[in-house]
Every structure is written in C-alpha cells, then in structure tokens.
Amino acid sequence: MRVRVATTILGITAALLAVPACSTDSVGTEPTATPSARAGKPTSGTTALSSAALETRLLDENDLGSGYLRKPERPAQHDDVTVIGCPALNELGGDAATGGSLTFPRKAKASFTYNGSAVEVSEELYSDSANKLSDGIGRIFEAMTGCPTYQVVAGGTPIDMASQKLAPPRGLGDEQWSQLLTFSTGARSTVVKQTAIRDGSLLLIVSGSPALVDRHLDKALDKALATS
C-alpha cells in the first residue's frame, strides 16, 4: 500500500490513522466502552461542532504550564509511504489516505514541544456522528494493534514499527482506545503513546511522550467538553 503523508514521527503516526474505514477480518480487538462521561462532567451531546469551535477547545500553553511551546503549522511535505508486514493496514489503504490526519471534515490540531527538546505532545479534535467517529477510529486502532511489528518506508527511509495495545483509561467518555508505538530507525528509537476518547459527537486523540499524554489527557478532555 502506498499513501502520501508527512514524514515526521508524529506525522507518520497520524498518517497511518488517516486511512479510511472499511471492513477487515484480520483483527478483532474491541474498544473499551463505559457509561457516558464522568459524573458531574459535561458531555459533547449529539450535535457536530465546527472546526472553528473545536479550535477554541484545544489546549494551549496556559493550560499546559511552563516549558511548553506550540509548534507552528507547516505546509505538509508529502512523501510516498509504504507499509510492509501489516495486511490489516494494507486492507484499510486507499487513494484517500492523505494529509496526516483523520479524514473527518470537522477537525482541529495543536502540537507542542517541551522544554525546548524533541519531546512532544499533540492533541487532535474531531466532530461527527457518534457512529462515524467510533467506526473510523476503532478500525484504525484495531488494525494497528493487530500488527505487533511491521515496517514503514517513508521517503526511502525504513522505519521499524512495534505496536502494543494498552488498557485505555476507564471512566472517560463513551469509548476509549490506547496504544504504544515504537519507531526505530538505525540505533535510534522513539516511543509514542496514543490515546483516543470518544464522547458523543466528539473525538479526542492525544499523542506523544507517554508521560506527557498521561499528564494532560484529563485536562484535554475537560476543555474539549467545556460548554462555556
């Protein structure tokens, strides 16, 4: 399968999540479902939010605290990416798999570096019908965690991938997914945690350093569900 995507570490992760939803018999991992959001917390309801509305619900430097700097959005530089050794991801491929983010039209994204280092955390928000969000993100996580190891060749550079399904956080939203991805190029490895929470018509994905994802997930969900 060849798709055209950005080739940064987090960009590759998002690009693999961008493949469109379609049926596959290769995996059978089920998302964890819980009753709707935590007691006393707002929920997103059933009305889809606009991209502009989602943008206001993203975390910013004030929410994250000292040491965080938002990365400017750069024009996507697309390279051919080949996925090797993961039939489930191949089955989910297609011409629409482009751009490094999920294909829902209502979306917003922010990425941050921490303490001037290569350590990053990113947040993505999407809004659509609950069924579309659940089906789209669920199939992608199933495919990725159904392949413990595979390889991505991005712009001619081979990247060895390892995926591990994690127990998602309980009591957040209506459905949750979580995984740990290890990207290895030569002697260098990068570990990325990715956790997705669907609450009604809103989908939150937080990716990056495992410690930063764990630190900011609740805060990101609370702001995403804020009604004021």
C-alpha atoms as a PDB file:
ATOM      1  CA  MET A   1       0.000   0.000   0.000  1.00  0.00           C
ATOM      2  CA  ARG A   2       1.298   3.479  -0.837  1.00  0.00           C
ATOM      3  CA  VAL A   3      -0.099   6.608   0.737  1.00  0.00           C
ATOM      4  CA  ARG A   4       1.116  10.179   0.570  1.00  0.00           C
ATOM      5  CA  VAL A   5       1.805  11.591   4.014  1.00  0.00           C
ATOM      6  CA  ALA A   6       4.144  13.782   6.041  1.00  0.00           C
ATOM      7  CA  THR A   7       7.241  12.002   7.341  1.00  0.00           C
ATOM      8  CA  THR A   8       7.767  13.330  10.867  1.00  0.00           C
ATOM      9  CA  ILE A   9       7.496  10.763  13.658  1.00  0.00           C
ATOM     10  CA  LEU A  10       4.127  12.026  14.892  1.00  0.00           C
ATOM     11  CA  GLY A  11       3.129  12.779  11.307  1.00  0.00           C
ATOM     12  CA  ILE A  12       3.625   9.147  10.344  1.00  0.00           C
ATOM     13  CA  THR A  13       1.501   8.066  13.301  1.00  0.00           C
ATOM     14  CA  ALA A  14      -1.294  10.403  12.274  1.00  0.00           C
ATOM     15  CA  ALA A  15      -0.920   9.394   8.647  1.00  0.00           C
ATOM     16  CA  LEU A  16      -1.453   5.749   9.493  1.00  0.00           C
ATOM     17  CA  LEU A  17      -4.568   6.870  11.333  1.00  0.00           C
ATOM     18  CA  ALA A  18      -5.734   8.673   8.209  1.00  0.00           C
ATOM     19  CA  VAL A  19      -6.603   5.581   6.187  1.00  0.00           C
ATOM     20  CA  PRO A  20     -10.346   5.376   5.582  1.00  0.00           C
ATOM     21  CA  ALA A  21     -12.582   2.961   7.448  1.00  0.00           C
ATOM     22  CA  CYS A  22     -13.527  -0.247   5.677  1.00  0.00           C
ATOM     23  CA  SER A  23     -14.075  -3.845   6.729  1.00  0.00           C
ATOM     24  CA  THR A  24     -11.246  -6.185   7.697  1.00  0.00           C
ATOM     25  CA  ASP A  25     -11.188  -9.713   9.063  1.00  0.00           C
ATOM     26  CA  SER A  26      -7.560  -9.552  10.167  1.00  0.00           C
ATOM     27  CA  VAL A  27      -8.113  -8.199  13.661  1.00  0.00           C
ATOM     28  CA  GLY A  28     -10.733  -8.421  16.353  1.00  0.00           C
ATOM     29  CA  THR A  29      -9.687  -6.021  19.109  1.00  0.00           C
ATOM     30  CA  GLU A  30     -12.653  -4.287  20.690  1.00  0.00           C
ATOM     31  CA  PRO A  31     -12.579  -0.784  22.197  1.00  0.00           C
ATOM     32  CA  THR A  32     -13.420  -0.400  25.857  1.00  0.00           C
ATOM     33  CA  ALA A  33     -16.875   1.115  26.374  1.00  0.00           C
ATOM     34  CA  THR A  34     -18.029   2.805  29.556  1.00  0.00           C
ATOM     35  CA  PRO A  35     -21.081   4.795  30.608  1.00  0.00           C
ATOM     36  CA  SER A  36     -21.004   8.370  29.320  1.00  0.00           C
ATOM     37  CA  ALA A  37     -18.615  10.891  30.783  1.00  0.00           C
ATOM     38  CA  ARG A  38     -17.652  11.115  34.439  1.00  0.00           C
ATOM     39  CA  ALA A  39     -20.314  12.078  36.937  1.00  0.00           C
ATOM     40  CA  GLY A  40     -20.715  15.821  37.094  1.00  0.00           C
ATOM     41  CA  LYS A  41     -18.744  16.404  33.892  1.00  0.00           C
ATOM     42  CA  PRO A  42     -20.231  17.868  30.692  1.00  0.00           C
ATOM     43  CA  THR A  43     -20.744  15.716  27.623  1.00  0.00           C
ATOM     44  CA  SER A  44     -20.434  16.670  23.979  1.00  0.00           C
ATOM     45  CA  GLY A  45     -24.014  15.801  23.043  1.00  0.00           C
ATOM     46  CA  THR A  46     -25.023  14.747  19.552  1.00  0.00           C
ATOM     47  CA  THR A  47     -24.512  17.968  17.565  1.00  0.00           C
ATOM     48  CA  ALA A  48     -21.331  18.068  15.491  1.00  0.00           C
ATOM     49  CA  LEU A  49     -19.075  21.034  16.209  1.00  0.00           C
ATOM     50  CA  SER A  50     -17.408  23.175  13.543  1.00  0.00           C
ATOM     51  CA  SER A  51     -13.641  23.241  13.066  1.00  0.00           C
ATOM     52  CA  ALA A  52     -13.621  26.791  14.434  1.00  0.00           C
ATOM     53  CA  ALA A  53     -15.422  25.663  17.584  1.00  0.00           C
ATOM     54  CA  LEU A  54     -13.033  22.734  18.002  1.00  0.00           C
ATOM     55  CA  GLU A  55     -10.060  25.084  17.710  1.00  0.00           C
ATOM     56  CA  THR A  56     -11.206  27.002  20.798  1.00  0.00           C
ATOM     57  CA  ARG A  57     -11.323  23.754  22.789  1.00  0.00           C
ATOM     58  CA  LEU A  58      -7.716  22.745  22.174  1.00  0.00           C
ATOM     59  CA  LEU A  59      -5.205  23.028  24.993  1.00  0.00           C
ATOM     60  CA  ASP A  60      -2.843  25.999  24.828  1.00  0.00           C
ATOM     61  CA  GLU A  61       0.379  26.966  26.614  1.00  0.00           C
ATOM     62  CA  ASN A  62      -1.568  28.428  29.535  1.00  0.00           C
ATOM     63  CA  ASP A  63      -3.381  25.123  30.047  1.00  0.00           C
ATOM     64  CA  LEU A  64      -0.208  23.040  29.800  1.00  0.00           C
ATOM     65  CA  GLY A  65       2.012  25.144  32.058  1.00  0.00           C
ATOM     66  CA  SER A  66       5.586  26.371  31.792  1.00  0.00           C
ATOM     67  CA  GLY A  67       8.016  24.799  29.381  1.00  0.00           C
ATOM     68  CA  TYR A  68       5.577  24.170  26.531  1.00  0.00           C
ATOM     69  CA  LEU A  69       5.822  25.888  23.166  1.00  0.00           C
ATOM     70  CA  ARG A  70       3.264  25.429  20.388  1.00  0.00           C
ATOM     71  CA  LYS A  71       4.751  24.313  17.101  1.00  0.00           C
ATOM     72  CA  PRO A  72       3.692  26.398  14.115  1.00  0.00           C
ATOM     73  CA  GLU A  73       1.712  24.589  11.472  1.00  0.00           C
ATOM     74  CA  ARG A  74       3.932  23.928   8.493  1.00  0.00           C
ATOM     75  CA  PRO A  75       2.850  23.105   4.958  1.00  0.00           C
ATOM     76  CA  ALA A  76       2.739  19.336   4.626  1.00  0.00           C
ATOM     77  CA  GLN A  77       5.657  17.829   2.753  1.00  0.00           C
ATOM     78  CA  HIS A  78       4.325  14.634   1.244  1.00  0.00           C
ATOM     79  CA  ASP A  79       6.376  11.551   0.528  1.00  0.00           C
ATOM     80  CA  ASP A  80       5.418   8.083  -0.570  1.00  0.00           C
ATOM     81  CA  VAL A  81       4.991   5.788   2.418  1.00  0.00           C
ATOM     82  CA  THR A  82       4.923   2.015   2.074  1.00  0.00           C
ATOM     83  CA  VAL A  83       3.568  -0.217   4.850  1.00  0.00           C
ATOM     84  CA  ILE A  84       5.208  -3.649   4.908  1.00  0.00           C
ATOM     85  CA  GLY A  85       4.160  -6.625   7.007  1.00  0.00           C
ATOM     86  CA  CYS A  86       0.745  -5.468   8.193  1.00  0.00           C
ATOM     87  CA  PRO A  87      -2.061  -6.853   5.988  1.00  0.00           C
ATOM     88  CA  ALA A  88      -4.715  -5.192   8.139  1.00  0.00           C
ATOM     89  CA  LEU A  89      -3.304  -1.737   7.404  1.00  0.00           C
ATOM     90  CA  ASN A  90      -2.970  -2.659   3.734  1.00  0.00           C
ATOM     91  CA  GLU A  91      -6.651  -3.593   3.626  1.00  0.00           C
ATOM     92  CA  LEU A  92      -7.525  -0.207   5.095  1.00  0.00           C
ATOM     93  CA  GLY A  93      -5.497   1.646   2.465  1.00  0.00           C
ATOM     94  CA  GLY A  94      -6.812   3.680  -0.393  1.00  0.00           C
ATOM     95  CA  ASP A  95      -6.344   6.782  -2.504  1.00  0.00           C
ATOM     96  CA  ALA A  96      -7.987   8.951   0.163  1.00  0.00           C
ATOM     97  CA  ALA A  97      -5.282   8.157   2.742  1.00  0.00           C
ATOM     98  CA  THR A  98      -3.571  11.546   2.659  1.00  0.00           C
ATOM     99  CA  GLY A  99      -2.588  14.509   4.766  1.00  0.00           C
ATOM    100  CA  GLY A 100      -1.556  13.033   8.124  1.00  0.00           C
ATOM    101  CA  SER A 101      -4.853  13.320   9.989  1.00  0.00           C
ATOM    102  CA  LEU A 102      -8.179  11.593  10.153  1.00  0.00           C
ATOM    103  CA  THR A 103     -10.494  12.285   7.244  1.00  0.00           C
ATOM    104  CA  PHE A 104     -13.372  13.772   9.236  1.00  0.00           C
ATOM    105  CA  PRO A 105     -14.031  17.277   7.870  1.00  0.00           C
ATOM    106  CA  ARG A 106     -14.509  18.976  11.256  1.00  0.00           C
ATOM    107  CA  LYS A 107     -11.131  18.938  12.985  1.00  0.00           C
ATOM    108  CA  ALA A 108      -8.502  20.927  14.869  1.00  0.00           C
ATOM    109  CA  LYS A 109      -4.952  20.105  15.954  1.00  0.00           C
ATOM    110  CA  ALA A 110      -2.163  21.534  18.077  1.00  0.00           C
ATOM    111  CA  SER A 111       1.352  20.211  18.764  1.00  0.00           C
ATOM    112  CA  PHE A 112       3.777  21.328  21.466  1.00  0.00           C
ATOM    113  CA  THR A 113       7.430  20.807  22.334  1.00  0.00           C
ATOM    114  CA  TYR A 114       8.504  20.577  25.958  1.00  0.00           C
ATOM    115  CA  ASN A 115      11.482  22.397  27.474  1.00  0.00           C
ATOM    116  CA  GLY A 116      12.987  23.035  24.059  1.00  0.00           C
ATOM    117  CA  SER A 117      13.649  19.348  23.455  1.00  0.00           C
ATOM    118  CA  ALA A 118      12.453  16.808  20.919  1.00  0.00           C
ATOM    119  CA  VAL A 119       9.826  15.644  23.425  1.00  0.00           C
ATOM    120  CA  GLU A 120       6.386  16.435  22.017  1.00  0.00           C
ATOM    121  CA  VAL A 121       2.715  16.128  22.768  1.00  0.00           C
ATOM    122  CA  SER A 122      -0.069  16.721  20.254  1.00  0.00           C
ATOM    123  CA  GLU A 123      -3.830  16.980  20.518  1.00  0.00           C
ATOM    124  CA  GLU A 124      -6.398  16.364  17.785  1.00  0.00           C
ATOM    125  CA  LEU A 125     -10.134  17.009  17.990  1.00  0.00           C
ATOM    126  CA  TYR A 126     -12.733  15.732  15.535  1.00  0.00           C
ATOM    127  CA  SER A 127     -16.504  16.036  15.460  1.00  0.00           C
ATOM    128  CA  ASP A 128     -19.040  13.954  13.555  1.00  0.00           C
ATOM    129  CA  SER A 129     -21.808  11.493  14.310  1.00  0.00           C
ATOM    130  CA  ALA A 130     -21.006   9.079  17.113  1.00  0.00           C
ATOM    131  CA  ASN A 131     -21.247   6.079  14.770  1.00  0.00           C
ATOM    132  CA  LYS A 132     -18.840   7.545  12.207  1.00  0.00           C
ATOM    133  CA  LEU A 133     -16.296   8.522  14.831  1.00  0.00           C
ATOM    134  CA  SER A 134     -16.477   5.152  16.575  1.00  0.00           C
ATOM    135  CA  ASP A 135     -16.211   3.156  13.362  1.00  0.00           C
ATOM    136  CA  GLY A 136     -13.380   5.243  11.901  1.00  0.00           C
ATOM    137  CA  ILE A 137     -11.044   5.364  14.890  1.00  0.00           C
ATOM    138  CA  GLY A 138     -11.962   1.862  16.072  1.00  0.00           C
ATOM    139  CA  ARG A 139     -10.963   0.158  12.842  1.00  0.00           C
ATOM    140  CA  ILE A 140      -7.658   2.007  12.692  1.00  0.00           C
ATOM    141  CA  PHE A 141      -6.675   1.122  16.259  1.00  0.00           C
ATOM    142  CA  GLU A 142      -7.726  -2.472  15.646  1.00  0.00           C
ATOM    143  CA  ALA A 143      -5.523  -2.678  12.578  1.00  0.00           C
ATOM    144  CA  MET A 144      -2.501  -1.058  14.183  1.00  0.00           C
ATOM    145  CA  THR A 145      -2.601  -3.070  17.406  1.00  0.00           C
ATOM    146  CA  GLY A 146      -3.315  -6.214  15.377  1.00  0.00           C
ATOM    147  CA  CYS A 147       0.212  -5.966  13.913  1.00  0.00           C
ATOM    148  CA  PRO A 148       2.792  -6.254  16.723  1.00  0.00           C
ATOM    149  CA  THR A 149       5.616  -5.444  14.285  1.00  0.00           C
ATOM    150  CA  TYR A 150       5.743  -4.058  10.754  1.00  0.00           C
ATOM    151  CA  GLN A 151       7.798  -1.629   8.714  1.00  0.00           C
ATOM    152  CA  VAL A 152       7.106   1.771   7.219  1.00  0.00           C
ATOM    153  CA  VAL A 153       9.274   3.054   4.377  1.00  0.00           C
ATOM    154  CA  ALA A 154       8.931   6.846   4.296  1.00  0.00           C
ATOM    155  CA  GLY A 155      10.677   8.765   1.535  1.00  0.00           C
ATOM    156  CA  GLY A 156      13.068   5.846   1.101  1.00  0.00           C
ATOM    157  CA  THR A 157      13.844   5.616   4.847  1.00  0.00           C
ATOM    158  CA  PRO A 158      12.830   2.315   6.512  1.00  0.00           C
ATOM    159  CA  ILE A 159      11.241   2.686   9.956  1.00  0.00           C
ATOM    160  CA  ASP A 160      10.675  -0.416  12.053  1.00  0.00           C
ATOM    161  CA  MET A 161       7.382  -0.229  13.930  1.00  0.00           C
ATOM    162  CA  ALA A 162       6.201  -2.065  17.026  1.00  0.00           C
ATOM    163  CA  SER A 163       2.688  -1.619  18.395  1.00  0.00           C
ATOM    164  CA  GLN A 164       1.240  -2.649  21.743  1.00  0.00           C
ATOM    165  CA  LYS A 165      -2.363  -2.382  22.837  1.00  0.00           C
ATOM    166  CA  LEU A 166      -2.717  -0.660  26.203  1.00  0.00           C
ATOM    167  CA  ALA A 167      -5.559  -0.707  28.692  1.00  0.00           C
ATOM    168  CA  PRO A 168      -7.395   2.553  27.997  1.00  0.00           C
ATOM    169  CA  PRO A 169      -8.357   4.920  30.814  1.00  0.00           C
ATOM    170  CA  ARG A 170     -11.658   3.965  32.408  1.00  0.00           C
ATOM    171  CA  GLY A 171     -14.496   6.331  33.087  1.00  0.00           C
ATOM    172  CA  LEU A 172     -13.683   8.822  30.324  1.00  0.00           C
ATOM    173  CA  GLY A 173     -16.245   9.435  27.603  1.00  0.00           C
ATOM    174  CA  ASP A 174     -18.211   6.685  25.877  1.00  0.00           C
ATOM    175  CA  GLU A 175     -15.338   4.743  24.249  1.00  0.00           C
ATOM    176  CA  GLN A 176     -11.596   4.661  24.724  1.00  0.00           C
ATOM    177  CA  TRP A 177      -8.585   3.273  22.835  1.00  0.00           C
ATOM    178  CA  SER A 178      -4.892   3.375  23.695  1.00  0.00           C
ATOM    179  CA  GLN A 179      -1.670   2.036  22.211  1.00  0.00           C
ATOM    180  CA  LEU A 180       2.094   2.329  22.487  1.00  0.00           C
ATOM    181  CA  LEU A 181       4.094   2.709  19.268  1.00  0.00           C
ATOM    182  CA  THR A 182       7.863   2.327  18.956  1.00  0.00           C
ATOM    183  CA  PHE A 183       9.565   3.846  15.904  1.00  0.00           C
ATOM    184  CA  SER A 184      13.107   2.576  15.258  1.00  0.00           C
ATOM    185  CA  THR A 185      15.499   3.917  12.623  1.00  0.00           C
ATOM    186  CA  GLY A 186      19.004   2.526  12.909  1.00  0.00           C
ATOM    187  CA  ALA A 187      20.118   2.764  16.538  1.00  0.00           C
ATOM    188  CA  ARG A 188      17.506   5.372  17.457  1.00  0.00           C
ATOM    189  CA  SER A 189      14.089   4.550  18.881  1.00  0.00           C
ATOM    190  CA  THR A 190      11.163   6.803  19.736  1.00  0.00           C
ATOM    191  CA  VAL A 191       8.231   5.705  21.876  1.00  0.00           C
ATOM    192  CA  VAL A 192       4.854   7.357  21.297  1.00  0.00           C
ATOM    193  CA  LYS A 193       1.713   6.796  23.326  1.00  0.00           C
ATOM    194  CA  GLN A 194      -1.603   7.458  21.646  1.00  0.00           C
ATOM    195  CA  THR A 195      -4.922   7.583  23.486  1.00  0.00           C
ATOM    196  CA  ALA A 196      -8.289   8.302  21.897  1.00  0.00           C
ATOM    197  CA  ILE A 197     -11.517   9.159  23.733  1.00  0.00           C
ATOM    198  CA  ARG A 198     -14.908   9.429  22.034  1.00  0.00           C
ATOM    199  CA  ASP A 199     -17.618  11.303  23.883  1.00  0.00           C
ATOM    200  CA  GLY A 200     -20.823  11.616  21.892  1.00  0.00           C
ATOM    201  CA  SER A 201     -20.059  13.547  18.721  1.00  0.00           C
ATOM    202  CA  LEU A 202     -16.522  14.484  19.740  1.00  0.00           C
ATOM    203  CA  LEU A 203     -13.281  12.508  19.357  1.00  0.00           C
ATOM    204  CA  LEU A 204     -10.102  13.452  21.218  1.00  0.00           C
ATOM    205  CA  ILE A 205      -6.689  11.982  20.378  1.00  0.00           C
ATOM    206  CA  VAL A 206      -3.630  12.809  22.484  1.00  0.00           C
ATOM    207  CA  SER A 207      -0.260  11.545  21.196  1.00  0.00           C
ATOM    208  CA  GLY A 208       3.367  11.903  22.212  1.00  0.00           C
ATOM    209  CA  SER A 209       5.652  11.179  25.109  1.00  0.00           C
ATOM    210  CA  PRO A 210       3.846   8.636  27.359  1.00  0.00           C
ATOM    211  CA  ALA A 211       4.402  10.765  30.468  1.00  0.00           C
ATOM    212  CA  LEU A 212       3.014  13.899  28.800  1.00  0.00           C
ATOM    213  CA  VAL A 213      -0.008  12.060  27.398  1.00  0.00           C
ATOM    214  CA  ASP A 214      -0.855  10.714  30.845  1.00  0.00           C
ATOM    215  CA  ARG A 215      -0.312  14.134  32.425  1.00  0.00           C
ATOM    216  CA  HIS A 216      -2.579  16.091  30.097  1.00  0.00           C
ATOM    217  CA  LEU A 217      -5.276  13.660  28.917  1.00  0.00           C
ATOM    218  CA  ASP A 218      -7.878  14.531  31.557  1.00  0.00           C
ATOM    219  CA  LYS A 219      -7.244  18.244  31.112  1.00  0.00           C
ATOM    220  CA  ALA A 220      -7.610  17.955  27.344  1.00  0.00           C
ATOM    221  CA  LEU A 221     -10.898  16.085  27.643  1.00  0.00           C
ATOM    222  CA  ASP A 222     -12.325  18.533  30.176  1.00  0.00           C
ATOM    223  CA  LYS A 223     -11.567  21.506  27.922  1.00  0.00           C
ATOM    224  CA  ALA A 224     -12.826  19.696  24.816  1.00  0.00           C
ATOM    225  CA  LEU A 225     -16.155  19.039  26.531  1.00  0.00           C
ATOM    226  CA  ALA A 226     -16.494  22.536  28.003  1.00  0.00           C
ATOM    227  CA  THR A 227     -19.764  24.220  27.070  1.00  0.00           C
ATOM    228  CA  SER A 228     -18.893  27.774  28.008  1.00  0.00           C
END
